[in-house]
């Protein structure tokens, strides 16, 4: 039986990426040795989306965080120096904004409507 999901960022600067997750997003990490942090999350979802009408290619993956209040979360992240790409958009299923993560990574943060 599947009991969870493990997601990864492949980073050109893993220390900066880990520090961002720990210090800016305030995720609590467990050091599993040598400064290698694993950030357990209390919730996870997996979805499958068609590639038609998107810029995605088959096999592409997307990393997203979700929150309860996108406007408050975006303002909080900006106050801690996070660069958000564009404005918050209503995608129908949620309110979405992209964020830049150190090490050449990026992600999406959204407020669910479901």
Protein backbone atom coordinates (compact mmCIF):
# COMPACT_ATOMS: atom_id res chain seq x y z
CA UNK A 1 0.00 0.00 0.00
CA UNK A 2 1.28 3.48 -0.88
CA UNK A 3 1.56 5.67 2.22
CA UNK A 4 3.01 8.91 0.86
CA UNK A 5 4.89 10.80 -1.84
CA UNK A 6 8.54 11.84 -1.95
CA UNK A 7 9.21 14.83 -4.21
CA UNK A 8 12.62 16.18 -5.22
CA UNK A 9 14.17 19.36 -6.56
CA UNK A 10 17.30 18.86 -8.66
CA UNK A 11 19.32 21.94 -7.75
CA UNK A 12 22.54 23.56 -8.96
CA UNK A 13 22.92 24.88 -5.39
CA UNK A 14 21.40 22.30 -3.01
CA UNK A 15 22.45 24.16 0.15
CA UNK A 16 20.65 27.33 -1.00
CA UNK A 17 17.58 25.35 -2.06
CA UNK A 18 17.44 23.57 1.31
CA UNK A 19 17.93 26.88 3.15
CA UNK A 20 15.06 28.41 1.15
CA UNK A 21 12.74 25.53 2.05
CA UNK A 22 13.82 25.71 5.71
CA UNK A 23 14.15 29.47 6.26
CA UNK A 24 11.78 31.11 3.78
CA UNK A 25 9.03 28.52 3.42
CA UNK A 26 9.61 27.56 7.07
CA UNK A 27 9.40 23.83 6.47
CA UNK A 28 10.83 21.74 9.27
CA UNK A 29 13.59 19.51 7.96
CA UNK A 30 15.13 16.36 9.34
CA UNK A 31 18.90 16.07 8.83
CA UNK A 32 19.48 12.54 7.59
CA UNK A 33 23.25 13.03 7.56
CA UNK A 34 25.76 15.43 6.09
CA UNK A 35 23.32 18.35 6.04
CA UNK A 36 20.96 16.42 3.76
CA UNK A 37 17.53 17.67 4.83
CA UNK A 38 14.26 15.85 4.25
CA UNK A 39 11.15 17.99 4.77
CA UNK A 40 8.13 15.92 5.81
CA UNK A 41 4.78 17.38 4.79
CA UNK A 42 1.45 16.61 6.38
CA UNK A 43 -0.51 16.49 3.12
CA UNK A 44 0.16 15.41 -0.43
CA UNK A 45 -1.75 14.94 -3.65
CA UNK A 46 -0.95 13.34 -6.98
CA UNK A 47 -2.75 14.31 -10.17
CA UNK A 48 -2.44 13.38 -13.84
CA UNK A 49 -2.97 16.09 -16.44
CA UNK A 50 -3.17 15.75 -20.23
CA UNK A 51 -0.43 17.46 -22.23
CA UNK A 52 -2.87 18.80 -24.84
CA UNK A 53 -3.32 22.57 -24.69
CA UNK A 54 -0.26 23.00 -22.44
CA UNK A 55 3.44 23.57 -22.92
CA UNK A 56 4.21 20.35 -21.03
CA UNK A 57 5.72 17.33 -22.69
CA UNK A 58 4.83 13.72 -21.86
CA UNK A 59 6.70 12.70 -18.73
CA UNK A 60 7.00 16.28 -17.42
CA UNK A 61 6.48 16.84 -13.71
CA UNK A 62 5.39 19.89 -11.73
CA UNK A 63 6.06 20.69 -8.10
CA UNK A 64 3.39 22.68 -6.28
CA UNK A 65 2.75 23.86 -2.75
CA UNK A 66 -0.73 24.78 -1.60
CA UNK A 67 -1.97 27.09 1.13
CA UNK A 68 -5.17 28.38 2.70
CA UNK A 69 -4.79 32.07 1.72
CA UNK A 70 -2.73 32.77 -1.41
CA UNK A 71 -2.74 36.55 -0.97
CA UNK A 72 -1.43 36.41 2.62
CA UNK A 73 1.07 33.68 1.73
CA UNK A 74 2.36 35.57 -1.32
CA UNK A 75 2.77 38.77 0.73
CA UNK A 76 4.60 36.83 3.45
CA UNK A 77 6.93 35.17 0.94
CA UNK A 78 7.65 38.51 -0.76
CA UNK A 79 8.50 40.06 2.62
CA UNK A 80 11.13 37.32 3.04
CA UNK A 81 12.69 38.06 -0.35
CA UNK A 82 10.99 35.43 -2.49
CA UNK A 83 10.57 36.37 -6.15
CA UNK A 84 7.13 35.52 -7.49
CA UNK A 85 6.75 35.21 -11.26
CA UNK A 86 3.76 37.25 -12.34
CA UNK A 87 0.52 37.96 -10.55
CA UNK A 88 -1.87 35.60 -8.80
CA UNK A 89 -4.12 34.04 -11.44
CA UNK A 90 -7.49 32.35 -11.11
CA UNK A 91 -7.19 29.02 -12.92
CA UNK A 92 -10.70 27.85 -12.05
CA UNK A 93 -9.49 25.05 -9.78
CA UNK A 94 -7.38 27.45 -7.69
CA UNK A 95 -5.59 30.77 -7.32
CA UNK A 96 -2.02 30.32 -8.57
CA UNK A 97 1.35 32.06 -8.61
CA UNK A 98 4.80 30.72 -9.49
CA UNK A 99 7.81 31.19 -7.26
CA UNK A 100 11.53 31.09 -7.91
CA UNK A 101 13.56 28.78 -5.71
CA UNK A 102 17.37 29.08 -5.40
CA UNK A 103 19.45 26.63 -7.38
CA UNK A 104 17.60 27.05 -10.66
CA UNK A 105 14.38 25.55 -9.27
CA UNK A 106 10.83 26.81 -9.46
CA UNK A 107 7.45 25.81 -8.23
CA UNK A 108 3.86 26.82 -8.01
CA UNK A 109 1.92 27.83 -4.93
CA UNK A 110 -1.84 27.87 -4.98
CA UNK A 111 -5.00 28.17 -2.95
CA UNK A 112 -7.26 25.25 -3.76
CA UNK A 113 -10.90 25.73 -4.75
CA UNK A 114 -11.73 22.05 -4.39
